[in-house]
């Protein structure tokens, strides 16, 4: 029986997908630290998608490269990772938003972006932590900062003094340094630009983006919007 505890980390909608395009997806296998949990095998994960009319091109098992607690009773982070037909995946997500517990694998890029809120609050409350000041947190742990920029979470915040402005400090770092950055409280930034580009088999570009123009209001495709799990 398929392990129903597998977590759907990210479901992606994209506008078009050619028949020969592929996308890499994954599902945590359900293994738990210090426990003998029921584990979803690679074959079971493959069968689940194929039974949903999703063509599986290849499949492997690997550790998901994001920070997990590592304590007894928590997921081990081992995942079933499958390359599937992009058009089939699009159809699956349209018909079943939970995608049977699968999410898009975004972790093969050499450079990723991480962020923290910059501390600003509405009505000039709060104190802004500048890009340079916050970068010192990363540098102190020998995490190289390859680029930095300001951004916004693109979300609607309640208009009241003391509420968040949604402003972010965003940093480009080596993907292998992501777990260390997460231990410092930084989060992986997953943008609409990234998710719309996933339908292409070419590597995604996650380096520093150009500054937003005034026309790029929250909700536009170019707005950098955190997609968290």
N, C-alpha and C. Protein backbone atom coordinates (compact mmCIF):
# COMPACT_ATOMS: atom_id res chain seq x y z
N UNK A 1 0.85 -1.20 0.00
CA UNK A 1 0.00 0.00 0.00
C UNK A 1 0.89 1.24 0.00
N UNK A 2 0.47 2.25 -0.77
CA UNK A 2 1.24 3.48 -0.85
C UNK A 2 1.16 4.24 0.47
N UNK A 3 2.29 4.75 0.91
CA UNK A 3 2.34 5.51 2.16
C UNK A 3 1.65 6.86 1.96
N UNK A 4 0.56 7.07 2.65
CA UNK A 4 -0.21 8.30 2.49
C UNK A 4 0.39 9.47 3.26
N UNK A 5 1.48 9.22 4.03
CA UNK A 5 2.08 10.30 4.81
C UNK A 5 3.07 11.11 3.98
N UNK A 6 3.36 10.67 2.76
CA UNK A 6 4.29 11.42 1.93
C UNK A 6 3.78 12.85 1.77
N UNK A 7 4.69 13.79 1.78
CA UNK A 7 4.31 15.19 1.84
C UNK A 7 4.34 15.82 0.46
N UNK A 8 3.28 16.53 0.11
CA UNK A 8 3.27 17.29 -1.15
C UNK A 8 3.95 18.62 -0.88
N UNK A 9 5.17 18.80 -1.37
CA UNK A 9 5.94 19.98 -1.04
C UNK A 9 5.67 21.15 -1.99
N UNK A 10 5.34 20.84 -3.22
CA UNK A 10 5.10 21.94 -4.14
C UNK A 10 4.35 21.43 -5.35
N UNK A 11 3.21 22.03 -5.68
CA UNK A 11 2.49 21.70 -6.90
C UNK A 11 2.58 22.89 -7.82
N UNK A 12 2.89 22.65 -9.09
CA UNK A 12 3.18 23.74 -10.01
C UNK A 12 2.21 23.70 -11.19
N UNK A 13 1.71 24.88 -11.56
CA UNK A 13 0.89 25.04 -12.75
C UNK A 13 1.77 25.71 -13.80
N UNK A 14 1.75 25.21 -15.03
CA UNK A 14 2.40 25.97 -16.08
C UNK A 14 1.53 25.99 -17.32
N UNK A 15 1.78 26.98 -18.17
CA UNK A 15 0.83 27.31 -19.21
C UNK A 15 0.91 26.40 -20.42
N UNK A 16 2.06 25.82 -20.72
CA UNK A 16 2.17 24.97 -21.89
C UNK A 16 3.27 23.96 -21.67
N UNK A 17 3.17 22.84 -22.35
CA UNK A 17 4.20 21.81 -22.25
C UNK A 17 4.18 20.98 -23.52
N UNK A 18 5.31 20.93 -24.21
CA UNK A 18 5.42 20.14 -25.43
C UNK A 18 5.52 18.67 -25.06
N UNK A 19 5.22 17.82 -26.04
CA UNK A 19 5.14 16.38 -25.77
C UNK A 19 6.47 15.80 -25.34
N UNK A 20 7.59 16.39 -25.79
CA UNK A 20 8.90 15.81 -25.47
C UNK A 20 9.56 16.46 -24.27
N UNK A 21 8.89 17.41 -23.60
CA UNK A 21 9.48 18.06 -22.44
C UNK A 21 9.30 17.20 -21.21
N UNK A 22 10.25 17.29 -20.31
CA UNK A 22 10.18 16.52 -19.06
C UNK A 22 10.29 17.45 -17.87
N UNK A 23 9.90 16.94 -16.73
CA UNK A 23 10.01 17.66 -15.47
C UNK A 23 10.39 16.64 -14.40
N UNK A 24 11.20 17.04 -13.46
CA UNK A 24 11.62 16.15 -12.38
C UNK A 24 10.76 16.41 -11.15
N UNK A 25 10.17 15.35 -10.62
CA UNK A 25 9.31 15.46 -9.45
C UNK A 25 9.78 14.48 -8.38
N UNK A 26 9.29 14.68 -7.16
CA UNK A 26 9.73 13.80 -6.08
C UNK A 26 8.66 13.64 -5.03
N UNK A 27 8.87 12.64 -4.20
CA UNK A 27 7.98 12.35 -3.08
C UNK A 27 8.85 11.77 -1.96
N UNK A 28 8.76 12.34 -0.77
CA UNK A 28 9.47 11.73 0.36
C UNK A 28 8.99 10.29 0.52
N UNK A 29 9.92 9.39 0.81
CA UNK A 29 9.54 7.97 0.82
C UNK A 29 8.86 7.52 2.10
N UNK A 30 8.71 8.42 3.06
CA UNK A 30 8.01 8.08 4.30
C UNK A 30 8.88 7.52 5.39
N UNK A 31 10.18 7.33 5.13
CA UNK A 31 11.06 6.80 6.16
C UNK A 31 11.25 7.81 7.28
N UNK A 32 11.33 7.30 8.52
CA UNK A 32 11.38 8.13 9.72
C UNK A 32 12.61 7.78 10.54
N UNK A 33 13.26 8.77 11.09
CA UNK A 33 14.41 8.53 11.98
C UNK A 33 13.98 7.71 13.19
N UNK A 34 14.77 6.71 13.52
CA UNK A 34 14.57 5.89 14.73
C UNK A 34 13.25 5.13 14.71
N UNK A 35 12.70 4.87 13.54
CA UNK A 35 11.39 4.22 13.48
C UNK A 35 11.35 3.32 12.26
N UNK A 36 10.51 2.31 12.30
CA UNK A 36 10.33 1.39 11.18
C UNK A 36 9.02 1.72 10.48
N UNK A 37 8.97 2.89 9.89
CA UNK A 37 7.75 3.33 9.20
C UNK A 37 7.60 2.58 7.88
N UNK A 38 6.37 2.55 7.39
CA UNK A 38 6.11 1.97 6.07
C UNK A 38 6.70 2.91 5.02
N UNK A 39 7.57 2.39 4.18
CA UNK A 39 8.28 3.19 3.19
C UNK A 39 7.71 2.95 1.80
N UNK A 40 7.53 4.01 1.05
CA UNK A 40 7.10 3.90 -0.34
C UNK A 40 8.31 3.58 -1.20
N UNK A 41 8.31 2.43 -1.84
CA UNK A 41 9.45 2.04 -2.68
C UNK A 41 9.45 2.85 -3.97
N UNK A 42 10.60 2.84 -4.64
CA UNK A 42 10.70 3.54 -5.91
C UNK A 42 9.71 2.98 -6.93
N UNK A 43 9.53 1.66 -6.92
CA UNK A 43 8.59 1.05 -7.86
C UNK A 43 7.16 1.46 -7.54
N UNK A 44 6.83 1.54 -6.26
CA UNK A 44 5.48 1.97 -5.88
C UNK A 44 5.22 3.41 -6.31
N UNK A 45 6.24 4.28 -6.15
CA UNK A 45 6.09 5.67 -6.57
C UNK A 45 5.91 5.75 -8.08
N UNK A 46 6.68 4.95 -8.80
CA UNK A 46 6.56 4.92 -10.26
C UNK A 46 5.18 4.44 -10.68
N UNK A 47 4.72 3.35 -10.05
CA UNK A 47 3.40 2.80 -10.39
C UNK A 47 2.28 3.80 -10.11
N UNK A 48 2.43 4.56 -9.01
CA UNK A 48 1.40 5.53 -8.65
C UNK A 48 1.21 6.56 -9.75
N UNK A 49 2.33 7.08 -10.28
CA UNK A 49 2.23 8.08 -11.33
C UNK A 49 1.77 7.46 -12.65
N UNK A 50 2.31 6.30 -12.98
CA UNK A 50 1.92 5.67 -14.24
C UNK A 50 0.45 5.29 -14.23
N UNK A 51 -0.06 4.88 -13.08
CA UNK A 51 -1.49 4.58 -12.98
C UNK A 51 -2.35 5.83 -13.11
N UNK A 52 -1.73 6.99 -12.90
CA UNK A 52 -2.41 8.27 -13.10
C UNK A 52 -2.14 8.83 -14.50
N UNK A 53 -1.64 7.95 -15.40
CA UNK A 53 -1.38 8.31 -16.80
C UNK A 53 -0.26 9.34 -16.95
N UNK A 54 0.72 9.27 -16.06
CA UNK A 54 1.90 10.11 -16.17
C UNK A 54 3.07 9.22 -16.61
N UNK A 55 3.66 9.52 -17.75
CA UNK A 55 4.77 8.73 -18.27
C UNK A 55 6.03 9.00 -17.47
N UNK A 56 6.62 7.96 -16.91
CA UNK A 56 7.86 8.07 -16.13
C UNK A 56 9.04 7.71 -17.03
N UNK A 57 9.96 8.65 -17.21
CA UNK A 57 11.13 8.44 -18.07
C UNK A 57 12.25 7.75 -17.32
N UNK A 58 12.49 8.15 -16.08
CA UNK A 58 13.52 7.53 -15.25
C UNK A 58 13.19 7.78 -13.79
N UNK A 59 13.80 7.00 -12.91
CA UNK A 59 13.51 7.12 -11.48
C UNK A 59 14.74 6.74 -10.67
N UNK A 60 14.93 7.42 -9.56
CA UNK A 60 16.03 7.11 -8.66
C UNK A 60 15.65 7.53 -7.25
N UNK A 61 16.43 7.10 -6.28
CA UNK A 61 16.23 7.48 -4.88
C UNK A 61 17.41 8.31 -4.42
N UNK A 62 17.14 9.42 -3.74
CA UNK A 62 18.22 10.26 -3.22
C UNK A 62 17.72 11.08 -2.04
N UNK A 63 18.65 11.69 -1.35
CA UNK A 63 18.30 12.52 -0.20
C UNK A 63 17.91 13.92 -0.68
N UNK A 64 16.79 14.42 -0.21
CA UNK A 64 16.39 15.79 -0.52
C UNK A 64 17.33 16.76 0.19
N UNK A 65 17.86 17.75 -0.51
CA UNK A 65 18.90 18.61 0.06
C UNK A 65 18.38 19.80 0.84
N UNK A 66 17.27 19.66 1.54
CA UNK A 66 16.83 20.76 2.39
C UNK A 66 16.91 20.33 3.85
N UNK A 67 16.94 21.33 4.70
CA UNK A 67 17.19 21.08 6.12
C UNK A 67 16.01 20.39 6.78
N UNK A 68 16.30 19.28 7.46
CA UNK A 68 15.31 18.57 8.26
C UNK A 68 15.88 18.37 9.66
N UNK A 69 15.02 18.24 10.68
CA UNK A 69 15.51 18.22 12.06
C UNK A 69 16.49 17.10 12.38
N UNK A 70 16.28 15.89 11.85
CA UNK A 70 17.17 14.78 12.15
C UNK A 70 16.91 14.12 13.48
N UNK A 71 15.79 14.46 14.13
CA UNK A 71 15.46 13.88 15.42
C UNK A 71 14.58 12.65 15.23
N UNK A 72 14.54 11.82 16.23
CA UNK A 72 13.69 10.63 16.17
C UNK A 72 12.24 11.04 15.91
N UNK A 73 11.60 10.34 15.00
CA UNK A 73 10.22 10.63 14.66
C UNK A 73 10.05 11.61 13.53
N UNK A 74 11.15 12.17 13.00
CA UNK A 74 11.07 13.11 11.88
C UNK A 74 11.49 12.42 10.59
N UNK A 75 11.06 12.95 9.43
CA UNK A 75 11.42 12.33 8.15
C UNK A 75 12.92 12.30 7.93
N UNK A 76 13.39 11.24 7.27
CA UNK A 76 14.82 11.13 6.97
C UNK A 76 15.22 12.02 5.82
N UNK A 77 14.25 12.41 5.00
CA UNK A 77 14.56 13.23 3.83
C UNK A 77 14.85 12.42 2.58
N UNK A 78 14.84 11.08 2.69
CA UNK A 78 15.03 10.26 1.50
C UNK A 78 13.80 10.39 0.60
N UNK A 79 14.05 10.51 -0.68
CA UNK A 79 12.96 10.79 -1.62
C UNK A 79 13.06 9.92 -2.86
N UNK A 80 11.92 9.62 -3.42
CA UNK A 80 11.83 9.00 -4.74
C UNK A 80 11.76 10.13 -5.75
N UNK A 81 12.74 10.19 -6.65
CA UNK A 81 12.86 11.28 -7.61
C UNK A 81 12.65 10.72 -9.02
N UNK A 82 11.67 11.27 -9.73
CA UNK A 82 11.29 10.72 -11.03
C UNK A 82 11.27 11.81 -12.10
N UNK A 83 11.78 11.48 -13.27
CA UNK A 83 11.68 12.36 -14.44
C UNK A 83 10.45 11.91 -15.21
N UNK A 84 9.50 12.84 -15.42
CA UNK A 84 8.23 12.48 -16.04
C UNK A 84 7.93 13.41 -17.21
N UNK A 85 6.98 13.00 -18.02
CA UNK A 85 6.53 13.82 -19.13
C UNK A 85 5.84 15.08 -18.61
N UNK A 86 6.27 16.25 -19.09
CA UNK A 86 5.76 17.52 -18.56
C UNK A 86 4.28 17.73 -18.86
N UNK A 87 3.84 17.34 -20.06
CA UNK A 87 2.43 17.51 -20.40
C UNK A 87 1.55 16.63 -19.52
N UNK A 88 2.02 15.41 -19.24
CA UNK A 88 1.27 14.52 -18.35
C UNK A 88 1.18 15.11 -16.95
N UNK A 89 2.30 15.68 -16.48
CA UNK A 89 2.33 16.28 -15.14
C UNK A 89 1.36 17.46 -15.07
N UNK A 90 1.36 18.30 -16.09
CA UNK A 90 0.44 19.43 -16.13
C UNK A 90 -1.01 18.94 -16.01
N UNK A 91 -1.34 17.92 -16.75
CA UNK A 91 -2.71 17.39 -16.73
C UNK A 91 -3.06 16.82 -15.35
N UNK A 92 -2.09 16.13 -14.73
CA UNK A 92 -2.32 15.57 -13.40
C UNK A 92 -2.62 16.66 -12.38
N UNK A 93 -1.80 17.73 -12.39
CA UNK A 93 -1.96 18.80 -11.41
C UNK A 93 -3.27 19.56 -11.63
N UNK A 94 -3.68 19.70 -12.88
CA UNK A 94 -4.94 20.37 -13.16
C UNK A 94 -6.12 19.56 -12.62
N UNK A 95 -6.03 18.25 -12.72
CA UNK A 95 -7.12 17.40 -12.28
C UNK A 95 -7.04 17.04 -10.80
N UNK A 96 -5.82 17.05 -10.27
CA UNK A 96 -5.62 16.66 -8.87
C UNK A 96 -4.51 17.54 -8.29
N UNK A 97 -4.87 18.67 -7.69
CA UNK A 97 -3.87 19.63 -7.20
C UNK A 97 -2.87 19.06 -6.21
N UNK A 98 -3.23 17.99 -5.46
CA UNK A 98 -2.27 17.45 -4.50
C UNK A 98 -1.22 16.57 -5.20
N UNK A 99 -1.42 16.28 -6.48
CA UNK A 99 -0.45 15.53 -7.29
C UNK A 99 -0.02 14.23 -6.63
N UNK A 100 -0.92 13.61 -5.89
CA UNK A 100 -0.63 12.34 -5.20
C UNK A 100 0.57 12.45 -4.26
N UNK A 101 0.80 13.63 -3.71
CA UNK A 101 1.90 13.79 -2.76
C UNK A 101 3.24 14.05 -3.41
N UNK A 102 3.28 14.29 -4.73
CA UNK A 102 4.54 14.61 -5.41
C UNK A 102 4.69 16.11 -5.52
N UNK A 103 5.93 16.57 -5.54
CA UNK A 103 6.23 17.97 -5.76
C UNK A 103 7.34 18.09 -6.78
N UNK A 104 7.60 19.31 -7.23
CA UNK A 104 8.62 19.54 -8.24
C UNK A 104 10.00 19.61 -7.59
N UNK A 105 10.95 18.91 -8.17
CA UNK A 105 12.33 18.88 -7.68
C UNK A 105 13.07 20.09 -8.20
N UNK A 106 13.46 20.99 -7.29
CA UNK A 106 14.07 22.26 -7.68
C UNK A 106 15.53 22.38 -7.25
N UNK A 107 16.15 21.26 -6.94
CA UNK A 107 17.41 21.34 -6.19
C UNK A 107 18.66 20.98 -6.99
N UNK A 108 18.58 20.96 -8.33
CA UNK A 108 19.74 20.59 -9.12
C UNK A 108 20.53 21.79 -9.62
N UNK A 109 20.07 23.00 -9.31
CA UNK A 109 20.80 24.18 -9.75
C UNK A 109 22.02 24.40 -8.86
N UNK A 110 23.14 24.85 -9.43
CA UNK A 110 24.33 25.11 -8.61
C UNK A 110 24.18 26.31 -7.68
N UNK A 111 23.33 27.26 -8.08
CA UNK A 111 23.10 28.47 -7.28
C UNK A 111 21.62 28.55 -6.91
N UNK A 112 21.33 28.84 -5.65
CA UNK A 112 19.95 29.04 -5.21
C UNK A 112 19.85 30.39 -4.52
N UNK A 113 18.61 30.84 -4.33
CA UNK A 113 18.38 32.08 -3.60
C UNK A 113 17.69 31.78 -2.28
N UNK A 114 18.14 32.45 -1.25
CA UNK A 114 17.52 32.34 0.07
C UNK A 114 17.14 33.72 0.55
N UNK A 115 16.23 33.78 1.52
CA UNK A 115 15.77 35.08 1.96
C UNK A 115 15.40 35.08 3.43
N UNK A 116 15.35 36.30 3.97
CA UNK A 116 14.72 36.60 5.26
C UNK A 116 13.99 37.92 5.10
N UNK A 117 12.96 38.11 5.93
CA UNK A 117 12.31 39.41 5.97
C UNK A 117 13.28 40.43 6.57
N UNK A 118 13.21 41.67 6.07
CA UNK A 118 14.23 42.66 6.46
C UNK A 118 13.91 43.42 7.74
N UNK A 119 12.81 43.07 8.41
CA UNK A 119 12.50 43.69 9.70
C UNK A 119 11.66 44.94 9.62
N UNK A 120 11.37 45.44 8.41
CA UNK A 120 10.57 46.66 8.30
C UNK A 120 9.10 46.36 8.55
N UNK A 121 8.42 47.32 9.17
CA UNK A 121 7.00 47.21 9.47
C UNK A 121 6.29 48.44 8.94
N UNK A 122 5.00 48.34 8.71
CA UNK A 122 4.24 49.47 8.20
C UNK A 122 4.23 50.64 9.18
N UNK A 123 4.05 51.85 8.63
CA UNK A 123 4.08 53.12 9.41
C UNK A 123 5.48 53.39 9.96
N UNK A 124 6.49 52.93 9.21
CA UNK A 124 7.89 53.15 9.58
C UNK A 124 8.24 52.55 10.93
N UNK A 125 7.51 51.53 11.31
CA UNK A 125 7.84 50.82 12.54
C UNK A 125 8.83 49.69 12.21
N UNK A 126 9.43 49.15 13.22
CA UNK A 126 10.44 48.14 12.99
C UNK A 126 11.75 48.78 12.57
N UNK A 127 12.78 47.98 12.46
CA UNK A 127 14.10 48.48 12.07
C UNK A 127 14.63 47.63 10.93
N UNK A 128 14.96 48.27 9.84
CA UNK A 128 15.44 47.54 8.68
C UNK A 128 16.84 46.97 8.91
N UNK A 129 16.99 45.72 8.60
CA UNK A 129 18.31 45.09 8.55
C UNK A 129 18.76 45.18 7.10
N UNK A 130 19.84 45.87 6.84
CA UNK A 130 20.28 46.08 5.46
C UNK A 130 20.81 44.79 4.85
N UNK A 131 20.93 44.80 3.54
CA UNK A 131 21.49 43.65 2.85
C UNK A 131 22.89 43.33 3.37
N UNK A 132 23.70 44.35 3.55
CA UNK A 132 25.07 44.15 4.01
C UNK A 132 25.10 43.58 5.42
N UNK A 133 24.26 44.11 6.30
CA UNK A 133 24.23 43.61 7.68
C UNK A 133 23.81 42.15 7.74
N UNK A 134 22.76 41.80 7.02
CA UNK A 134 22.26 40.42 7.07
C UNK A 134 23.23 39.45 6.39
N UNK A 135 23.94 39.93 5.38
CA UNK A 135 24.91 39.07 4.70
C UNK A 135 26.00 38.59 5.65
N UNK A 136 26.27 39.37 6.68
CA UNK A 136 27.30 38.97 7.64
C UNK A 136 26.93 37.67 8.34
N UNK A 137 25.63 37.39 8.51
CA UNK A 137 25.20 36.12 9.12
C UNK A 137 25.68 34.94 8.28
N UNK A 138 25.56 35.08 6.97
CA UNK A 138 26.00 34.01 6.07
C UNK A 138 27.52 33.90 6.04
N UNK A 139 28.16 35.04 5.91
CA UNK A 139 29.61 35.05 5.82
C UNK A 139 30.27 34.50 7.08
N UNK A 140 29.64 34.73 8.23
CA UNK A 140 30.19 34.23 9.50
C UNK A 140 30.21 32.72 9.55
N UNK A 141 29.38 32.06 8.74
CA UNK A 141 29.35 30.60 8.68
C UNK A 141 30.02 30.09 7.39
N UNK A 142 30.86 30.95 6.82
CA UNK A 142 31.62 30.61 5.61
C UNK A 142 30.73 30.27 4.43
N UNK A 143 29.57 30.92 4.36
CA UNK A 143 28.67 30.76 3.22
C UNK A 143 28.92 31.94 2.27
N UNK A 144 29.42 31.65 1.10
CA UNK A 144 29.75 32.71 0.15
C UNK A 144 28.48 33.34 -0.41
N UNK A 145 28.41 34.65 -0.37
CA UNK A 145 27.28 35.39 -0.93
C UNK A 145 27.67 35.81 -2.34
N UNK A 146 27.01 35.23 -3.33
CA UNK A 146 27.34 35.49 -4.73
C UNK A 146 26.54 36.65 -5.32
N UNK A 147 25.55 37.09 -4.60
CA UNK A 147 24.76 38.22 -5.06
C UNK A 147 23.68 38.52 -4.03
N UNK A 148 23.17 39.73 -4.03
CA UNK A 148 22.12 40.08 -3.08
C UNK A 148 21.23 41.14 -3.70
N UNK A 149 20.01 41.20 -3.24
CA UNK A 149 19.06 42.18 -3.74
C UNK A 149 17.89 42.29 -2.77
N UNK A 150 17.15 43.37 -2.90
CA UNK A 150 15.91 43.53 -2.15
C UNK A 150 14.77 42.90 -2.95
N UNK A 151 13.72 42.50 -2.26
CA UNK A 151 12.57 41.91 -2.92
C UNK A 151 11.34 42.07 -2.04
N UNK A 152 10.26 41.50 -2.49
CA UNK A 152 9.02 41.51 -1.73
C UNK A 152 8.38 40.15 -1.83
N UNK A 153 7.62 39.78 -0.81
CA UNK A 153 7.00 38.45 -0.85
C UNK A 153 5.77 38.41 -1.75
N UNK A 154 5.34 39.57 -2.28
CA UNK A 154 4.23 39.59 -3.21
C UNK A 154 2.89 39.24 -2.62
N UNK A 155 2.82 39.17 -1.30
CA UNK A 155 1.58 38.77 -0.64
C UNK A 155 0.82 39.99 -0.13
N UNK A 156 -0.47 39.84 0.05
CA UNK A 156 -1.29 40.92 0.58
C UNK A 156 -1.18 40.94 2.10
N UNK A 157 -0.66 42.04 2.64
CA UNK A 157 -0.52 42.18 4.09
C UNK A 157 -1.57 43.16 4.60
N UNK A 158 -2.11 42.88 5.75
CA UNK A 158 -3.12 43.74 6.34
C UNK A 158 -2.53 45.14 6.51
N UNK A 159 -3.32 46.15 6.13
CA UNK A 159 -2.87 47.54 6.20
C UNK A 159 -3.08 48.08 7.60
N UNK A 160 -2.11 47.87 8.46
CA UNK A 160 -2.19 48.35 9.84
C UNK A 160 -0.78 48.60 10.34
N UNK A 161 -0.62 49.63 11.12
CA UNK A 161 0.70 49.96 11.65
C UNK A 161 1.25 48.78 12.45
N UNK A 162 2.49 48.46 12.19
CA UNK A 162 3.14 47.35 12.88
C UNK A 162 3.08 46.04 12.12
N UNK A 163 2.27 45.99 11.05
CA UNK A 163 2.21 44.77 10.24
C UNK A 163 3.40 44.73 9.30
N UNK A 164 3.72 43.55 8.82
CA UNK A 164 4.87 43.39 7.94
C UNK A 164 4.69 44.16 6.63
N UNK A 165 5.80 44.67 6.13
CA UNK A 165 5.79 45.30 4.80
C UNK A 165 5.95 44.26 3.69
N UNK A 166 6.39 43.07 4.07
CA UNK A 166 6.65 42.04 3.06
C UNK A 166 7.99 42.17 2.37
N UNK A 167 8.82 43.11 2.84
CA UNK A 167 10.11 43.33 2.19
C UNK A 167 11.13 42.26 2.59
N UNK A 168 11.90 41.80 1.61
CA UNK A 168 12.84 40.71 1.82
C UNK A 168 14.27 41.14 1.51
N UNK A 169 15.21 40.50 2.18
CA UNK A 169 16.60 40.49 1.77
C UNK A 169 16.88 39.14 1.14
N UNK A 170 17.35 39.14 -0.11
CA UNK A 170 17.52 37.92 -0.89
C UNK A 170 18.99 37.77 -1.27
N UNK A 171 19.49 36.53 -1.12
CA UNK A 171 20.91 36.26 -1.37
C UNK A 171 21.07 35.04 -2.27
N UNK A 172 22.01 35.13 -3.19
CA UNK A 172 22.38 33.99 -4.03
C UNK A 172 23.56 33.28 -3.37
N UNK A 173 23.39 31.96 -3.15
CA UNK A 173 24.45 31.17 -2.51
C UNK A 173 24.59 29.85 -3.26
N UNK A 174 25.67 29.12 -2.99
CA UNK A 174 25.84 27.79 -3.56
C UNK A 174 24.76 26.87 -3.01
N UNK A 175 24.21 26.03 -3.88
CA UNK A 175 23.13 25.13 -3.47
C UNK A 175 23.58 24.22 -2.33
N UNK A 176 24.85 23.82 -2.33
CA UNK A 176 25.32 22.91 -1.29
C UNK A 176 25.34 23.58 0.09
N UNK A 177 25.28 24.92 0.10
CA UNK A 177 25.27 25.65 1.37
C UNK A 177 23.86 25.89 1.90
N UNK A 178 22.84 25.41 1.18
CA UNK A 178 21.46 25.66 1.58
C UNK A 178 21.14 25.15 2.99
N UNK A 179 21.50 23.91 3.35
CA UNK A 179 21.18 23.47 4.72
C UNK A 179 21.79 24.37 5.79
N UNK A 180 23.02 24.82 5.57
CA UNK A 180 23.67 25.70 6.56
C UNK A 180 22.93 27.03 6.65
N UNK A 181 22.49 27.55 5.53
CA UNK A 181 21.74 28.81 5.53
C UNK A 181 20.39 28.64 6.22
N UNK A 182 19.77 27.50 6.02
CA UNK A 182 18.48 27.25 6.67
C UNK A 182 18.62 27.17 8.18
N UNK A 183 19.75 26.68 8.64
CA UNK A 183 19.98 26.63 10.10
C UNK A 183 20.09 28.03 10.67
N UNK A 184 20.40 29.00 9.83
CA UNK A 184 20.47 30.40 10.28
C UNK A 184 19.12 31.10 10.16
N UNK A 185 18.11 30.38 9.69
CA UNK A 185 16.79 30.97 9.57
C UNK A 185 16.45 31.47 8.19
N UNK A 186 17.35 31.30 7.22
CA UNK A 186 17.04 31.68 5.85
C UNK A 186 16.16 30.60 5.21
N UNK A 187 15.36 31.03 4.25
CA UNK A 187 14.47 30.10 3.56
C UNK A 187 14.75 30.12 2.06
N UNK A 188 14.54 28.98 1.45
CA UNK A 188 14.72 28.88 0.00
C UNK A 188 13.65 29.70 -0.70
N UNK A 189 14.07 30.53 -1.64
CA UNK A 189 13.14 31.34 -2.41
C UNK A 189 12.77 30.59 -3.68
N UNK A 190 11.48 30.28 -3.83
CA UNK A 190 10.97 29.66 -5.04
C UNK A 190 10.03 30.65 -5.68
N UNK A 191 10.38 31.11 -6.87
CA UNK A 191 9.65 32.19 -7.51
C UNK A 191 8.75 31.67 -8.63
N UNK A 192 7.82 32.51 -9.03
CA UNK A 192 6.98 32.16 -10.18
C UNK A 192 7.85 32.00 -11.42
N UNK A 193 8.92 32.79 -11.53
CA UNK A 193 9.82 32.67 -12.67
C UNK A 193 10.43 31.27 -12.71
N UNK A 194 10.82 30.76 -11.55
CA UNK A 194 11.39 29.42 -11.49
C UNK A 194 10.36 28.37 -11.88
N UNK A 195 9.17 28.46 -11.29
CA UNK A 195 8.19 27.41 -11.53
C UNK A 195 7.65 27.45 -12.94
N UNK A 196 7.58 28.62 -13.57
CA UNK A 196 7.12 28.68 -14.95
C UNK A 196 8.20 28.16 -15.89
N UNK A 197 9.45 28.22 -15.43
CA UNK A 197 10.54 27.73 -16.27
C UNK A 197 10.79 26.25 -16.14
N UNK A 198 10.16 25.61 -15.17
CA UNK A 198 10.42 24.19 -14.93
C UNK A 198 10.01 23.33 -16.11
N UNK A 199 9.03 23.78 -16.90
CA UNK A 199 8.58 22.98 -18.03
C UNK A 199 9.68 22.81 -19.08
N UNK A 200 10.69 23.66 -19.05
CA UNK A 200 11.80 23.51 -19.98
C UNK A 200 12.85 22.59 -19.41
N UNK A 201 13.45 21.68 -20.21
CA UNK A 201 14.47 20.79 -19.69
C UNK A 201 15.81 21.46 -19.48
N UNK A 202 15.97 22.71 -19.90
CA UNK A 202 17.22 23.41 -19.72
C UNK A 202 17.35 23.87 -18.28
N UNK A 203 18.60 24.04 -17.76
CA UNK A 203 18.79 24.45 -16.37
C UNK A 203 18.12 25.78 -16.08
N UNK A 204 17.58 25.89 -14.87
CA UNK A 204 16.94 27.12 -14.46
C UNK A 204 17.97 28.13 -14.00
N UNK A 205 17.71 29.40 -14.21
CA UNK A 205 18.59 30.46 -13.74
C UNK A 205 18.01 31.02 -12.45
N UNK A 206 18.79 30.92 -11.38
CA UNK A 206 18.28 31.39 -10.10
C UNK A 206 19.16 32.48 -9.50
N UNK A 207 20.02 33.07 -10.33
CA UNK A 207 20.90 34.12 -9.84
C UNK A 207 20.13 35.41 -9.62
N UNK A 208 20.85 36.48 -9.23
CA UNK A 208 20.18 37.75 -8.94
C UNK A 208 19.39 38.24 -10.15
N UNK A 209 18.16 38.64 -9.92
CA UNK A 209 17.32 39.15 -11.00
C UNK A 209 17.45 40.67 -11.07
N UNK A 210 16.96 41.25 -12.15
CA UNK A 210 16.98 42.70 -12.29
C UNK A 210 16.01 43.31 -11.28
N UNK A 211 16.27 44.53 -10.91
CA UNK A 211 15.39 45.22 -9.97
C UNK A 211 14.01 45.38 -10.58
N UNK A 212 13.00 45.33 -9.74
CA UNK A 212 11.64 45.49 -10.22
C UNK A 212 11.38 46.92 -10.65
N UNK A 213 10.53 47.06 -11.66
CA UNK A 213 10.08 48.37 -12.07
C UNK A 213 8.78 48.67 -11.34
N UNK A 214 8.38 49.94 -11.29
CA UNK A 214 7.13 50.27 -10.61
C UNK A 214 5.93 49.53 -11.16
N UNK A 215 5.99 49.13 -12.44
CA UNK A 215 4.84 48.44 -13.04
C UNK A 215 4.70 47.02 -12.55
N UNK A 216 5.77 46.50 -11.94
CA UNK A 216 5.75 45.10 -11.50
C UNK A 216 5.15 45.02 -10.11
N UNK A 217 3.86 45.18 -10.03
CA UNK A 217 3.16 45.16 -8.75
C UNK A 217 3.05 43.75 -8.23
N UNK A 218 2.86 43.57 -6.92
CA UNK A 218 2.66 42.23 -6.38
C UNK A 218 1.55 41.50 -7.15
N UNK A 219 1.84 40.26 -7.48
CA UNK A 219 0.89 39.47 -8.23
C UNK A 219 1.29 39.33 -9.68
N UNK A 220 2.18 40.19 -10.18
CA UNK A 220 2.64 40.04 -11.55
C UNK A 220 3.59 38.86 -11.63
N UNK A 221 3.80 38.34 -12.85
CA UNK A 221 4.63 37.15 -13.01
C UNK A 221 6.07 37.41 -12.61
N UNK A 222 6.51 38.66 -12.69
CA UNK A 222 7.91 38.95 -12.37
C UNK A 222 8.14 39.18 -10.89
N UNK A 223 7.08 39.26 -10.11
CA UNK A 223 7.23 39.45 -8.68
C UNK A 223 7.86 38.20 -8.04
N UNK A 224 8.85 38.38 -7.21
CA UNK A 224 9.50 37.27 -6.55
C UNK A 224 8.66 36.85 -5.35
N UNK A 225 8.00 35.71 -5.44
CA UNK A 225 7.04 35.30 -4.42
C UNK A 225 7.50 34.03 -3.73
N UNK A 226 7.70 34.05 -2.42
CA UNK A 226 8.09 32.84 -1.73
C UNK A 226 7.01 31.77 -1.87
N UNK A 227 7.44 30.56 -2.17
CA UNK A 227 6.55 29.42 -2.19
C UNK A 227 7.14 28.42 -1.20
N UNK A 228 6.59 28.36 -0.03
CA UNK A 228 7.21 27.61 1.07
C UNK A 228 6.46 26.34 1.35
N UNK A 229 7.16 25.38 1.95
CA UNK A 229 6.52 24.17 2.41
C UNK A 229 6.78 24.00 3.88
